[in-house]
Amino acid sequence: MTDTATAPAGSGPASDWRAGEERHPIESTGWSLEVIDASLDHISYRGTRILRALRVIVRDRDWRTVPAVLDALETTVDGAATVVTLRAHHDDLGARAHWTATLRLDQGRLDLSVDLGVDSDFLRNRIGIVALHPTDLASIPLAVTHPDASTTSTVFPVEISPHQPAVDIAGLAWHTGVFDVALRFEGDVFEMEDQRNWTDASYKTYSTPLGLPFPVDVGPGDAVGQSVTVTVAPGGAADPAPVASEHGIVADAARVPSVTVGAATAPGTPGARPAWLHGAGVLVELDLRDPGWTRALARARRDAGSSPLDVRLIAVDPSQLDHAVAALCGVPVARLAVFDAARHITTAPLWERLRDLATREPVLGLLVGGTRGHFTELNRTHAELPRDVGGVTFSITPQMHDLSTDQVVESLVEQRRVALQASRIADGRPVHVGPVTLRARFNAVATSPWAAGPADVDAFGYGAEHVWNSTDPRQGSDEYATWLLASFVALSTGAVESVALAEAWGPRGFGSVDGVPAPAASVLAWLVEVQGAPVVALDAAALPDGVFALAARLASGTVLLVANTSQAPVSFSLLGAPVSLAPFARARLLLP
């Protein structure tokens, strides 16, 4: 038996997935790239990928990326070279700026110069050019030129680097296996970070070193001028760069992780418990500083039905835990964690208080810890993690830096990478991932003062409901349902025992407050059916690139779940069954 969904289907139109994206391909003098909105993406030279992207970014005091709007794109010819001029502006979050970027493409050389003007008073953490390097450069030697013309040698990291792989950068050079590539930056000092920490498929070289004070006041009349030059030349004899795998990803954990959903943070009250929540637990985050946390707990209990809760407490002081733990007495709890409200990690004083209270109060459930934030925070602070935590936590959003659909899709491979590295950090303990949300549900790096949420969460919502840009219009699309299945498969590896997905209901959830399911609700039902079941081994090499598959053994037979996240139709065979899927389609097959 086969259940197949092929976009467009369900209540979400296919256009939601790439709605509003402007894509302009450019090919000249051996170079090829795409202008996607105001970003220069997928930059290759004579068929060899050189850079993932070049961008001009404005980041406000809370590290939020102020969206860039492309106003004009012009292409002219200057002798043998092609010149592309982009004009764009930023106008959101109280920050207004405009810029002109001139891109010159010539044989073996790319020049990008940017002149940016500030149009309003605001606090910025960063303004300028960023260069994104593809992750298939992992392990490649990297030469770093510093502003004083000295050089050092390093490599593009294989393991996800918690801190900057290179700092004090004026230039970079590496060998692709075909070409010698060199970058030269002007206008500021640059440094590099490993964006795989946030499930971005890139290393990022950016301006304004983090060691400098931030945020900084800027205002009308302030200007930024920066440039980057990329040169590409045929390389000499050298070891070739590793070739990225061209096959899919399969679930390879011993058992299918258990499935939970994030508690709904939208306003409203469903008339009845949504049918799509049957069999799924609920993960609820309770900020004990907020006056509405007890009501948030009550809503989560209702949505969970008879399923246990995964409770994450957020506190400033250990004494705040007393009331919370008392409120959980008699509540079915699968897991219980506590995180520091400022650092978003499990700190020793909070952990010790939670552990002591849990031994005295009749609270069931495994005590876990780690971070409520990105894998980044776990990667950077796991040495501080109390040794007796029963499991390790982190969450995922693919859009910390980039809202594009390309980034959302590319993050799937990086989700497998962070799950495996988190499993190594856990060192024999289970890993609990989530919530996995398209957009950020809170700002882990904000410098603005914290503001309390409303007391009446039914009327006004809480948490993510009050976070800038937290709702993604792609949430209700059919393609998102396929993406969600692929995400779960990517995370079904290593020591991962549970995965929390999206929200129970509302604009960031599996359906509306009045009970109308989104396409993703069908995927949730598929995952609930197989959670905890033994995983049947699959051969990833049998899958086309961009395909994700999970097979689980049930009493009724083997359930095979498959998602095609590529933009091409695919046909292949798994466990003797033929599978054909349209672009961004998914299927459930029941095999004997």
Protein backbone atom coordinates (compact mmCIF):
# COMPACT_ATOMS: atom_id res chain seq x y z
CA MET A 1 0.00 0.00 0.00
CA THR A 2 1.32 3.45 -0.92
CA ASP A 3 0.30 6.90 0.31
CA THR A 4 1.85 9.54 -1.91
CA ALA A 5 1.71 13.32 -1.77
CA THR A 6 3.01 15.28 -4.73
CA ALA A 7 3.23 19.07 -4.65
CA PRO A 8 0.97 20.87 -5.03
CA ALA A 9 -1.45 19.08 -2.74
CA GLY A 10 -3.28 19.67 0.50
CA SER A 11 -4.18 23.14 1.68
CA GLY A 12 -0.87 24.81 0.93
CA PRO A 13 -0.21 25.98 -2.64
CA ALA A 14 3.15 25.12 -4.19
CA SER A 15 3.86 28.79 -4.77
CA ASP A 16 4.19 29.31 -1.00
CA TRP A 17 7.53 27.48 -1.02
CA ARG A 18 9.36 30.06 -3.14
CA ALA A 19 6.85 32.90 -2.98
CA GLY A 20 8.38 36.30 -3.67
CA GLU A 21 11.87 35.06 -4.56
CA GLU A 22 13.41 36.79 -7.57
CA ARG A 23 16.06 34.67 -9.30
CA HIS A 24 18.27 36.04 -12.08
CA PRO A 25 20.90 33.67 -13.53
CA ILE A 26 24.09 35.27 -14.86
CA GLU A 27 26.78 33.60 -16.96
CA SER A 28 29.85 35.39 -18.31
CA THR A 29 33.56 34.83 -18.95
CA GLY A 30 33.45 31.39 -17.33
CA TRP A 31 31.55 32.58 -14.27
CA SER A 32 28.02 31.47 -13.38
CA LEU A 33 25.88 32.64 -10.48
CA GLU A 34 22.34 33.53 -9.49
CA VAL A 35 21.13 36.83 -8.13
CA ILE A 36 18.46 35.70 -5.66
CA ASP A 37 16.68 38.73 -4.27
CA ALA A 38 19.70 40.89 -3.30
CA SER A 39 22.21 38.06 -2.84
CA LEU A 40 24.86 36.68 -5.24
CA ASP A 41 24.45 32.92 -4.86
CA HIS A 42 25.94 29.67 -6.18
CA ILE A 43 29.08 31.24 -7.62
CA SER A 44 31.04 28.89 -9.90
CA TYR A 45 33.92 29.25 -12.35
CA ARG A 46 34.11 26.91 -15.34
CA GLY A 47 31.91 24.37 -13.55
CA THR A 48 33.77 24.44 -10.20
CA ARG A 49 31.94 25.88 -7.22
CA ILE A 50 33.97 28.74 -5.74
CA LEU A 51 31.62 30.40 -3.22
CA ARG A 52 28.18 29.63 -1.83
CA ALA A 53 27.36 33.35 -1.86
CA LEU A 54 28.46 36.97 -1.56
CA ARG A 55 26.08 39.25 0.32
CA VAL A 56 25.68 42.70 1.81
CA ILE A 57 24.14 42.48 5.25
CA VAL A 58 22.84 44.80 7.95
CA ARG A 59 22.42 43.27 11.41
CA ASP A 60 20.75 45.17 14.20
CA ARG A 61 21.65 45.27 17.89
CA ASP A 62 20.02 41.88 18.43
CA TRP A 63 21.84 40.20 15.50
CA ARG A 64 18.66 40.13 13.44
CA THR A 65 19.37 40.35 9.73
CA VAL A 66 17.46 43.34 8.34
CA PRO A 67 15.94 42.14 5.04
CA ALA A 68 17.45 43.56 1.85
CA VAL A 69 15.09 44.59 -0.96
CA LEU A 70 16.50 44.64 -4.48
CA ASP A 71 15.53 47.88 -6.23
CA ALA A 72 17.40 47.55 -9.52
CA LEU A 73 19.61 45.11 -11.39
CA GLU A 74 21.57 46.22 -14.44
CA THR A 75 24.02 44.30 -16.63
CA THR A 76 26.46 45.95 -19.03
CA VAL A 77 29.52 44.90 -21.03
CA ASP A 78 32.94 46.53 -20.56
CA GLY A 79 35.32 45.06 -23.10
CA ALA A 80 35.69 41.37 -22.28
CA ALA A 81 34.16 41.85 -18.82
CA THR A 82 30.54 41.86 -17.66
CA VAL A 83 29.51 44.44 -15.07
CA VAL A 84 26.44 43.83 -12.89
CA THR A 85 25.10 46.67 -10.76
CA LEU A 86 22.72 46.00 -7.87
CA ARG A 87 20.87 48.69 -5.95
CA ALA A 88 19.07 47.70 -2.77
CA HIS A 89 17.73 49.03 0.49
CA HIS A 90 16.92 47.88 4.04
CA ASP A 91 13.91 49.19 5.95
CA ASP A 92 12.81 47.12 8.93
CA LEU A 93 13.41 46.86 12.68
CA GLY A 94 13.94 50.64 12.78
CA ALA A 95 17.01 50.32 10.55
CA ARG A 96 17.14 52.02 7.16
CA ALA A 97 20.06 51.89 4.74
CA HIS A 98 20.73 51.72 1.02
CA TRP A 99 23.60 50.45 -1.09
CA THR A 100 25.01 50.02 -4.54
CA ALA A 101 27.09 46.95 -5.36
CA THR A 102 29.18 46.70 -8.51
CA LEU A 103 30.12 43.19 -9.62
CA ARG A 104 32.73 42.82 -12.37
CA LEU A 105 33.23 39.40 -13.98
CA ASP A 106 36.36 38.81 -16.03
CA GLN A 107 38.47 35.84 -17.01
CA GLY A 108 39.66 34.29 -13.74
CA ARG A 109 38.66 37.33 -11.67
CA LEU A 110 35.57 38.60 -9.84
CA ASP A 111 35.45 42.01 -8.17
CA LEU A 112 32.65 43.15 -5.87
CA SER A 113 32.65 46.68 -4.44
CA VAL A 114 29.91 48.02 -2.15
CA ASP A 115 29.02 51.56 -1.10
CA LEU A 116 26.40 51.67 1.65
CA GLY A 117 24.71 54.69 3.19
CA VAL A 118 22.81 54.77 6.48
CA ASP A 119 19.39 56.48 6.39
CA SER A 120 18.21 56.30 10.02
CA ASP A 121 19.53 56.23 13.56
CA PHE A 122 19.88 52.68 14.87
CA LEU A 123 22.21 50.37 16.75
CA ARG A 124 24.09 47.93 14.54
CA ASN A 125 26.23 44.92 15.29
CA ARG A 126 27.48 44.44 11.73
CA ILE A 127 27.24 46.11 8.33
CA GLY A 128 29.05 44.98 5.19
CA ILE A 129 30.10 42.14 2.92
CA VAL A 130 29.96 38.48 3.87
CA ALA A 131 31.43 35.63 1.83
CA LEU A 132 29.96 32.15 2.25
CA HIS A 133 32.24 29.19 1.51
CA PRO A 134 30.74 25.78 0.60
CA THR A 135 31.00 23.02 3.18
CA ASP A 136 32.59 20.58 0.73
CA LEU A 137 35.83 22.48 1.46
CA ALA A 138 36.03 20.66 4.83
CA SER A 139 39.63 19.45 5.46
CA ILE A 140 41.07 21.64 2.66
CA PRO A 141 44.19 23.62 3.71
CA LEU A 142 43.54 27.34 4.04
CA ALA A 143 46.13 30.13 3.92
CA VAL A 144 45.16 33.28 5.83
CA THR A 145 46.73 36.65 5.05
CA HIS A 146 46.52 39.20 7.85
CA PRO A 147 46.37 43.02 7.60
CA ASP A 148 50.10 43.25 8.38
CA ALA A 149 50.81 40.97 5.38
CA SER A 150 51.85 38.04 7.57
CA THR A 151 50.29 34.64 6.87
CA THR A 152 49.14 31.64 8.86
CA SER A 153 47.97 28.19 7.81
CA THR A 154 44.87 26.33 8.92
CA VAL A 155 42.17 24.13 7.35
CA PHE A 156 38.46 24.41 6.73
CA PRO A 157 37.15 22.46 9.75
CA VAL A 158 35.80 18.93 9.45
CA GLU A 159 34.19 18.83 12.89
CA ILE A 160 31.86 21.77 13.42
CA SER A 161 34.11 24.39 14.99
CA PRO A 162 32.62 26.07 18.09
CA HIS A 163 34.73 29.18 17.56
CA GLN A 164 36.25 31.12 14.68
CA PRO A 165 38.51 28.96 12.47
CA ALA A 166 40.30 32.09 11.22
CA VAL A 167 40.56 35.67 12.51
CA ASP A 168 42.26 38.94 11.55
CA ILE A 169 41.68 38.28 7.86
CA ALA A 170 42.73 40.43 4.92
CA GLY A 171 42.93 37.55 2.45
CA LEU A 172 42.30 33.81 2.03
CA ALA A 173 43.65 31.21 -0.37
CA TRP A 174 42.91 27.54 -1.00
CA HIS A 175 43.00 24.90 -3.72
CA THR A 176 39.80 23.32 -5.04
CA GLY A 177 41.41 20.35 -6.75
CA VAL A 178 41.11 22.21 -10.07
CA PHE A 179 41.82 25.86 -9.29
CA ASP A 180 43.87 27.96 -6.92
CA VAL A 181 41.42 30.42 -5.37
CA ALA A 182 42.33 33.64 -3.58
CA LEU A 183 40.15 36.28 -1.89
CA ARG A 184 41.30 39.76 -0.96
CA PHE A 185 39.15 41.97 1.30
CA GLU A 186 39.27 45.76 1.66
CA GLY A 187 37.46 48.20 3.92
CA ASP A 188 37.51 46.33 7.24
CA VAL A 189 39.14 43.44 9.09
CA PHE A 190 37.35 40.14 8.55
CA GLU A 191 37.08 36.81 10.36
CA MET A 192 35.46 33.43 9.75
CA GLU A 193 32.86 31.35 11.60
CA ASP A 194 31.52 27.86 11.01
CA GLN A 195 27.86 28.39 10.15
CA ARG A 196 27.13 24.67 10.31
CA ASN A 197 26.58 25.39 14.04
CA TRP A 198 23.24 26.90 12.95
CA THR A 199 22.69 24.27 10.20
CA ASP A 200 23.74 26.70 7.45
CA ALA A 201 25.61 24.88 4.70
CA SER A 202 28.60 27.24 4.75
CA TYR A 203 31.60 28.74 6.44
CA LYS A 204 31.18 32.54 6.63
CA THR A 205 33.83 35.23 6.31
CA TYR A 206 32.41 38.49 7.68
CA SER A 207 33.53 41.98 8.61
CA THR A 208 33.63 43.68 12.02
CA PRO A 209 35.43 41.24 14.35
CA LEU A 210 33.42 40.02 17.32
CA GLY A 211 36.18 41.25 19.64
CA LEU A 212 35.13 44.84 18.94
CA PRO A 213 32.41 46.46 21.06
CA PHE A 214 28.83 46.11 19.90
CA PRO A 215 26.19 47.40 19.35
CA VAL A 216 27.36 50.66 17.74
CA ASP A 217 25.30 53.79 17.02
CA VAL A 218 24.98 54.71 13.35
CA GLY A 219 22.93 57.43 11.71
CA PRO A 220 22.16 59.36 8.52
CA GLY A 221 25.34 60.34 6.71
CA ASP A 222 27.34 57.34 7.94
CA ALA A 223 28.82 55.32 5.10
CA VAL A 224 30.47 51.94 4.62
CA GLY A 225 32.71 51.05 1.70
CA GLN A 226 34.03 47.50 1.26
CA SER A 227 35.25 45.27 -1.53
CA VAL A 228 36.32 41.71 -2.21
CA THR A 229 38.37 40.40 -5.13
CA VAL A 230 38.26 36.72 -6.09
CA THR A 231 40.96 35.35 -8.37
CA VAL A 232 40.92 31.86 -9.84
CA ALA A 233 43.87 30.23 -11.63
CA PRO A 234 44.59 26.68 -12.78
CA GLY A 235 46.18 24.82 -9.88
CA GLY A 236 49.34 22.80 -9.89
CA ALA A 237 49.75 19.21 -8.72
CA ALA A 238 47.88 18.88 -5.46
CA ASP A 239 45.56 16.51 -3.70
CA PRO A 240 42.08 16.94 -5.14
CA ALA A 241 39.37 18.42 -2.99
CA PRO A 242 36.96 15.88 -1.49
CA VAL A 243 33.92 15.25 -3.64
CA ALA A 244 30.59 15.79 -1.91
CA SER A 245 28.49 12.66 -1.65
CA GLU A 246 25.87 12.42 -4.36
CA HIS A 247 23.38 10.19 -2.60
CA GLY A 248 20.52 10.52 -0.18
CA ILE A 249 20.26 10.18 3.60
CA VAL A 250 18.66 7.31 5.51
CA ALA A 251 17.58 6.85 9.11
CA ASP A 252 20.26 4.78 10.81
CA ALA A 253 19.38 4.98 14.51
CA ALA A 254 18.57 1.67 16.20
CA ARG A 255 14.96 2.78 16.73
CA VAL A 256 12.80 5.54 15.34
CA PRO A 257 12.96 8.52 17.74
CA SER A 258 9.86 9.38 19.71
CA VAL A 259 7.82 12.27 18.33
CA THR A 260 6.74 15.37 20.22
CA VAL A 261 5.36 18.69 19.07
CA GLY A 262 6.13 22.10 20.46
CA ALA A 263 3.40 23.65 22.58
CA ALA A 264 1.23 26.13 20.70
CA THR A 265 2.25 29.71 21.48
CA ALA A 266 -0.45 31.40 19.39
CA PRO A 267 -3.49 33.04 20.97
CA GLY A 268 -6.76 31.14 21.03
CA THR A 269 -8.19 27.93 22.43
CA PRO A 270 -9.13 24.96 20.23
CA GLY A 271 -12.70 23.77 20.71
CA ALA A 272 -11.35 20.24 21.05
CA ARG A 273 -7.94 18.63 21.11
CA PRO A 274 -6.77 18.58 17.46
CA ALA A 275 -7.06 15.08 16.02
CA TRP A 276 -3.59 15.24 14.48
CA LEU A 277 -2.01 15.33 17.96
CA HIS A 278 -3.08 11.75 18.74
CA GLY A 279 -0.07 9.79 19.98
CA ALA A 280 2.33 12.75 20.06
CA GLY A 281 3.82 14.21 23.22
CA VAL A 282 4.11 17.96 23.76
CA LEU A 283 7.26 19.94 24.58
CA VAL A 284 6.47 23.08 26.55
CA GLU A 285 8.90 25.86 27.46
CA LEU A 286 7.94 27.72 30.63
CA ASP A 287 9.70 31.04 31.23
CA LEU A 288 9.25 31.40 34.97
CA ARG A 289 9.67 35.18 34.70
CA ASP A 290 6.45 35.44 32.67
CA PRO A 291 3.16 35.83 34.54
CA GLY A 292 1.42 33.51 32.08
CA TRP A 293 3.58 30.41 32.53
CA THR A 294 1.01 28.47 34.56
CA ARG A 295 -1.59 28.95 31.83
CA ALA A 296 0.96 27.91 29.20
CA LEU A 297 1.44 24.69 31.18
CA ALA A 298 -2.31 24.09 31.35
CA ARG A 299 -2.66 24.56 27.57
CA ALA A 300 0.18 22.11 26.93
CA ARG A 301 -1.43 19.52 29.22
CA ARG A 302 -4.68 19.80 27.29
CA ASP A 303 -2.94 19.40 23.93
CA ALA A 304 -0.91 16.42 25.18
CA GLY A 305 -3.99 14.47 26.26
CA SER A 306 -2.74 11.26 27.87
CA SER A 307 0.76 11.66 26.41
CA PRO A 308 3.51 12.90 28.73
CA LEU A 309 5.01 16.37 28.57
CA ASP A 310 8.60 17.33 27.84
CA VAL A 311 9.02 20.36 30.14
CA ARG A 312 11.77 22.97 29.73
CA LEU A 313 12.01 25.51 32.56
CA ILE A 314 13.66 28.90 32.02
CA ALA A 315 14.84 30.66 35.16
CA VAL A 316 17.10 33.40 36.48
CA ASP A 317 17.41 32.15 40.06
CA PRO A 318 17.25 28.60 41.49
CA SER A 319 14.51 29.68 43.91
CA GLN A 320 12.14 30.15 40.96
CA LEU A 321 12.14 26.39 40.43
CA ASP A 322 10.30 25.59 43.66
CA HIS A 323 6.89 26.78 42.45
CA ALA A 324 7.38 25.23 39.01
CA VAL A 325 8.29 21.79 40.31
CA ALA A 326 5.37 21.90 42.73
CA ALA A 327 3.06 22.71 39.79
CA LEU A 328 4.33 19.61 37.98
CA CYS A 329 3.46 17.21 40.78
CA GLY A 330 1.05 14.66 39.38
CA VAL A 331 1.62 15.79 35.80
CA PRO A 332 2.85 13.07 33.39
CA VAL A 333 6.37 14.24 32.49
CA ALA A 334 8.70 12.35 30.18
CA ARG A 335 11.60 14.78 30.49
CA LEU A 336 12.37 17.82 32.61
CA ALA A 337 15.12 20.39 31.98
CA VAL A 338 16.15 23.83 33.21
CA PHE A 339 18.01 26.58 31.37
CA ASP A 340 19.49 29.88 32.45
CA ALA A 341 17.39 32.75 31.09
CA ALA A 342 20.42 34.76 29.93
CA ARG A 343 22.77 32.05 28.68
CA HIS A 344 20.14 29.53 27.48
CA ILE A 345 22.14 26.59 28.86
CA THR A 346 21.85 24.32 31.89
CA THR A 347 24.02 25.92 34.57
CA ALA A 348 25.26 24.17 37.69
CA PRO A 349 23.25 26.20 40.29
CA LEU A 350 19.96 25.68 38.43
CA TRP A 351 20.68 22.02 37.80
CA GLU A 352 21.53 21.30 41.42
CA ARG A 353 18.29 22.91 42.60
CA LEU A 354 16.20 21.04 40.03
CA ARG A 355 17.84 17.73 40.90
CA ASP A 356 17.28 18.27 44.63
CA LEU A 357 13.63 19.25 44.15
CA ALA A 358 12.95 16.32 41.85
CA THR A 359 14.21 13.87 44.43
CA ARG A 360 11.87 15.31 47.08
CA GLU A 361 8.76 15.92 44.99
CA PRO A 362 6.72 13.23 43.18
CA VAL A 363 7.86 14.39 39.73
CA LEU A 364 8.50 11.63 37.22
CA GLY A 365 10.60 11.90 34.09
CA LEU A 366 14.21 11.96 33.03
CA LEU A 367 16.19 15.04 34.03
CA VAL A 368 17.97 16.37 30.94
CA GLY A 369 20.07 19.41 30.13
CA GLY A 370 22.09 21.19 27.51
CA THR A 371 20.68 24.21 25.70
CA ARG A 372 17.30 25.48 24.56
CA GLY A 373 19.15 27.33 21.81
CA HIS A 374 21.04 26.32 18.72
CA PHE A 375 23.57 23.52 18.52
CA THR A 376 26.06 26.42 18.66
CA GLU A 377 25.46 26.91 22.38
CA LEU A 378 25.90 23.20 23.08
CA ASN A 379 29.05 23.06 20.97
CA ARG A 380 30.58 26.03 22.79
CA THR A 381 29.59 25.22 26.37
CA HIS A 382 29.23 21.45 26.69
CA ALA A 383 32.26 21.32 29.01
CA GLU A 384 30.10 23.19 31.55
CA LEU A 385 27.29 20.65 31.33
CA PRO A 386 26.65 18.89 34.67
CA ARG A 387 28.00 15.35 34.47
CA ASP A 388 24.84 13.71 35.77
CA VAL A 389 22.37 15.06 33.19
CA GLY A 390 20.36 12.15 31.89
CA GLY A 391 20.21 13.41 28.30
CA VAL A 392 21.41 16.27 26.12
CA THR A 393 19.20 18.87 24.43
CA PHE A 394 19.43 21.44 21.65
CA SER A 395 17.01 22.95 19.14
CA ILE A 396 17.12 23.77 15.42
CA THR A 397 15.99 26.57 13.18
CA PRO A 398 17.49 26.74 9.69
CA GLN A 399 16.93 30.48 9.30
CA MET A 400 19.20 32.14 11.85
CA HIS A 401 21.03 34.00 9.06
CA ASP A 402 19.15 33.40 5.83
CA LEU A 403 15.42 33.19 5.04
CA SER A 404 15.82 31.75 1.55
CA THR A 405 14.27 28.46 0.50
CA ASP A 406 17.67 27.29 -0.74
CA GLN A 407 19.02 27.65 2.80
CA VAL A 408 16.03 25.85 4.32
CA VAL A 409 16.61 22.87 2.01
CA GLU A 410 20.41 22.88 2.35
CA SER A 411 20.08 22.80 6.15
CA LEU A 412 18.76 19.23 6.01
CA VAL A 413 22.20 17.73 5.39
CA GLU A 414 23.64 19.92 8.15
CA GLN A 415 20.95 18.67 10.54
CA ARG A 416 22.38 15.17 10.15
CA ARG A 417 25.84 16.61 10.84
CA VAL A 418 24.85 18.42 14.06
CA ALA A 419 22.88 15.39 15.29
CA LEU A 420 25.98 13.19 14.94
CA GLN A 421 28.28 15.72 16.61
CA ALA A 422 25.77 16.22 19.43
CA SER A 423 25.71 12.44 19.88
CA ARG A 424 29.49 12.45 20.31
CA ILE A 425 29.22 15.29 22.82
CA ALA A 426 26.53 13.35 24.73
CA ASP A 427 29.04 10.54 25.21
CA GLY A 428 26.63 7.67 25.73
CA ARG A 429 23.64 9.70 26.88
CA PRO A 430 20.51 10.14 24.75
CA VAL A 431 20.04 13.28 22.65
CA HIS A 432 16.73 15.11 22.50
CA VAL A 433 16.37 17.51 19.57
CA GLY A 434 13.89 20.31 19.30
CA PRO A 435 11.81 22.12 18.81
CA VAL A 436 12.68 22.06 15.12
CA THR A 437 11.07 25.23 13.76
CA LEU A 438 11.35 27.02 10.42
CA ARG A 439 11.91 30.39 12.08
CA ALA A 440 13.43 31.36 15.43
CA ARG A 441 11.08 31.01 18.39
CA PHE A 442 13.30 33.26 20.55
CA ASN A 443 16.45 35.32 20.08
CA ALA A 444 19.38 33.59 21.75
CA VAL A 445 21.81 36.45 21.05
CA ALA A 446 19.73 39.57 21.72
CA THR A 447 21.35 42.52 23.46
CA SER A 448 18.03 44.33 24.06
CA PRO A 449 16.58 44.08 27.57
CA TRP A 450 14.19 41.22 28.23
CA ALA A 451 10.48 42.10 28.32
CA ALA A 452 7.88 40.03 30.17
CA GLY A 453 5.19 38.27 28.17
CA PRO A 454 1.45 38.74 28.72
CA ALA A 455 -0.42 37.14 31.59
CA ASP A 456 -3.37 36.21 29.36
CA VAL A 457 -1.74 33.80 26.93
CA ASP A 458 -5.11 32.67 25.53
CA ALA A 459 -5.85 36.20 24.36
CA PHE A 460 -2.36 37.27 23.31
CA GLY A 461 -0.20 34.17 22.99
CA TYR A 462 3.31 33.95 24.38
CA GLY A 463 6.87 33.07 23.46
CA ALA A 464 7.33 32.80 19.70
CA GLU A 465 4.07 34.68 19.10
CA HIS A 466 5.92 37.86 20.15
CA VAL A 467 9.21 37.22 18.34
CA TRP A 468 9.94 39.26 15.21
CA ASN A 469 9.40 37.31 11.99
CA SER A 470 8.77 34.02 13.80
CA THR A 471 6.01 32.84 11.45
CA ASP A 472 7.10 31.49 8.08
CA PRO A 473 4.52 31.69 5.26
CA ARG A 474 5.84 28.32 4.01
CA GLN A 475 4.58 26.59 7.17
CA GLY A 476 1.23 25.68 5.63
CA SER A 477 2.61 24.55 2.27
CA ASP A 478 2.75 21.00 0.99
CA GLU A 479 6.49 21.33 0.42
CA TYR A 480 7.00 22.08 4.11
CA ALA A 481 5.40 18.74 4.96
CA THR A 482 7.98 17.01 2.75
CA TRP A 483 10.76 19.08 4.33
CA LEU A 484 9.54 18.09 7.81
CA LEU A 485 9.72 14.40 6.94
CA ALA A 486 13.23 14.86 5.56
CA SER A 487 14.26 16.73 8.73
CA PHE A 488 13.02 13.89 10.93
CA VAL A 489 14.93 11.35 8.82
CA ALA A 490 18.10 13.47 9.01
CA LEU A 491 17.82 13.57 12.81
CA SER A 492 17.10 9.83 13.15
CA THR A 493 20.72 8.95 13.77
CA GLY A 494 23.33 8.48 16.47
CA ALA A 495 22.02 8.85 20.00
CA VAL A 496 18.90 10.86 19.09
CA GLU A 497 15.95 9.46 21.07
CA SER A 498 13.33 12.16 20.56
CA VAL A 499 12.57 14.94 18.10
CA ALA A 500 10.15 17.80 18.78
CA LEU A 501 8.61 19.37 15.69
CA ALA A 502 6.99 22.77 15.07
CA GLU A 503 3.98 23.67 17.26
CA ALA A 504 0.80 21.79 18.07
CA TRP A 505 -1.48 24.26 16.27
CA GLY A 506 -1.57 27.84 15.07
CA PRO A 507 0.40 29.64 12.35
CA ARG A 508 3.61 27.82 13.35
CA GLY A 509 1.92 24.47 13.79
CA PHE A 510 0.24 21.47 12.19
CA GLY A 511 -3.14 23.10 11.68
CA SER A 512 -5.36 26.00 12.63
CA VAL A 513 -6.86 26.76 16.02
CA ASP A 514 -10.28 25.79 14.64
CA GLY A 515 -9.15 22.29 13.71
CA VAL A 516 -8.25 22.51 10.01
CA PRO A 517 -5.12 20.40 9.44
CA ALA A 518 -2.15 21.60 7.39
CA PRO A 519 -0.41 19.17 4.99
CA ALA A 520 2.26 18.55 7.64
CA ALA A 521 -0.38 16.91 9.87
CA SER A 522 -0.32 13.84 7.62
CA VAL A 523 3.44 13.54 8.06
CA LEU A 524 3.02 13.82 11.82
CA ALA A 525 0.61 10.86 11.69
CA TRP A 526 3.15 8.83 9.69
CA LEU A 527 5.87 9.56 12.26
CA VAL A 528 3.66 8.80 15.27
CA GLU A 529 2.83 5.43 13.69
CA VAL A 530 6.49 4.37 13.54
CA GLN A 531 7.96 6.07 16.62
CA GLY A 532 9.91 3.64 18.79
CA ALA A 533 9.90 0.92 16.15
CA PRO A 534 13.10 -0.87 15.09
CA VAL A 535 14.77 0.83 12.13
CA VAL A 536 15.31 -1.35 9.05
CA ALA A 537 18.70 -0.76 7.44
CA LEU A 538 18.67 0.98 4.07
CA ASP A 539 21.45 1.63 1.58
CA ALA A 540 21.93 5.40 1.27
CA ALA A 541 23.93 4.85 -1.92
CA ALA A 542 20.73 3.56 -3.57
CA LEU A 543 19.07 6.95 -3.12
CA PRO A 544 19.43 9.93 -5.46
CA ASP A 545 20.87 13.10 -3.99
CA GLY A 546 18.22 15.02 -2.04
CA VAL A 547 16.16 11.94 -1.11
CA PHE A 548 15.60 11.02 2.57
CA ALA A 549 14.24 7.64 3.64
CA LEU A 550 13.25 5.81 6.83
CA ALA A 551 12.13 2.19 7.14
CA ALA A 552 10.59 0.81 10.33
CA ARG A 553 9.45 -2.71 11.24
CA LEU A 554 5.89 -2.91 12.59
CA ALA A 555 3.69 -5.92 13.27
CA SER A 556 1.79 -5.16 10.06
CA GLY A 557 4.93 -5.05 7.93
CA THR A 558 7.69 -2.60 7.05
CA VAL A 559 6.71 1.03 6.72
CA LEU A 560 8.88 2.99 4.30
CA LEU A 561 8.77 6.80 4.43
CA VAL A 562 10.48 8.69 1.62
CA ALA A 563 10.91 12.42 0.87
CA ASN A 564 12.31 13.94 -2.31
CA THR A 565 13.69 17.40 -1.53
CA SER A 566 15.24 17.90 -4.95
CA GLN A 567 13.79 19.95 -7.78
CA ALA A 568 13.76 16.96 -10.13
CA PRO A 569 11.61 13.82 -10.31
CA VAL A 570 13.32 10.67 -9.02
CA SER A 571 12.87 6.93 -9.50
CA PHE A 572 14.70 4.21 -7.58
CA SER A 573 14.16 0.97 -5.68
CA LEU A 574 14.26 0.38 -1.92
CA LEU A 575 13.73 -2.97 -0.17
CA GLY A 576 12.64 -4.33 -3.53
CA ALA A 577 9.91 -1.73 -3.96
CA PRO A 578 9.97 0.76 -6.85
CA VAL A 579 9.60 4.40 -5.80
CA SER A 580 8.85 7.35 -8.08
CA LEU A 581 8.45 10.84 -6.67
CA ALA A 582 7.86 14.23 -8.22
CA PRO A 583 9.92 17.21 -6.99
CA PHE A 584 9.31 17.83 -3.30
CA ALA A 585 6.93 14.92 -3.01
CA ARG A 586 6.79 12.27 -0.28
CA ALA A 587 5.41 8.77 0.10
CA ARG A 588 4.50 6.16 2.67
CA LEU A 589 4.72 2.51 1.55
CA LEU A 590 3.68 -0.53 3.56
CA LEU A 591 5.76 -3.55 2.54
CA PRO A 592 5.33 -7.19 3.61
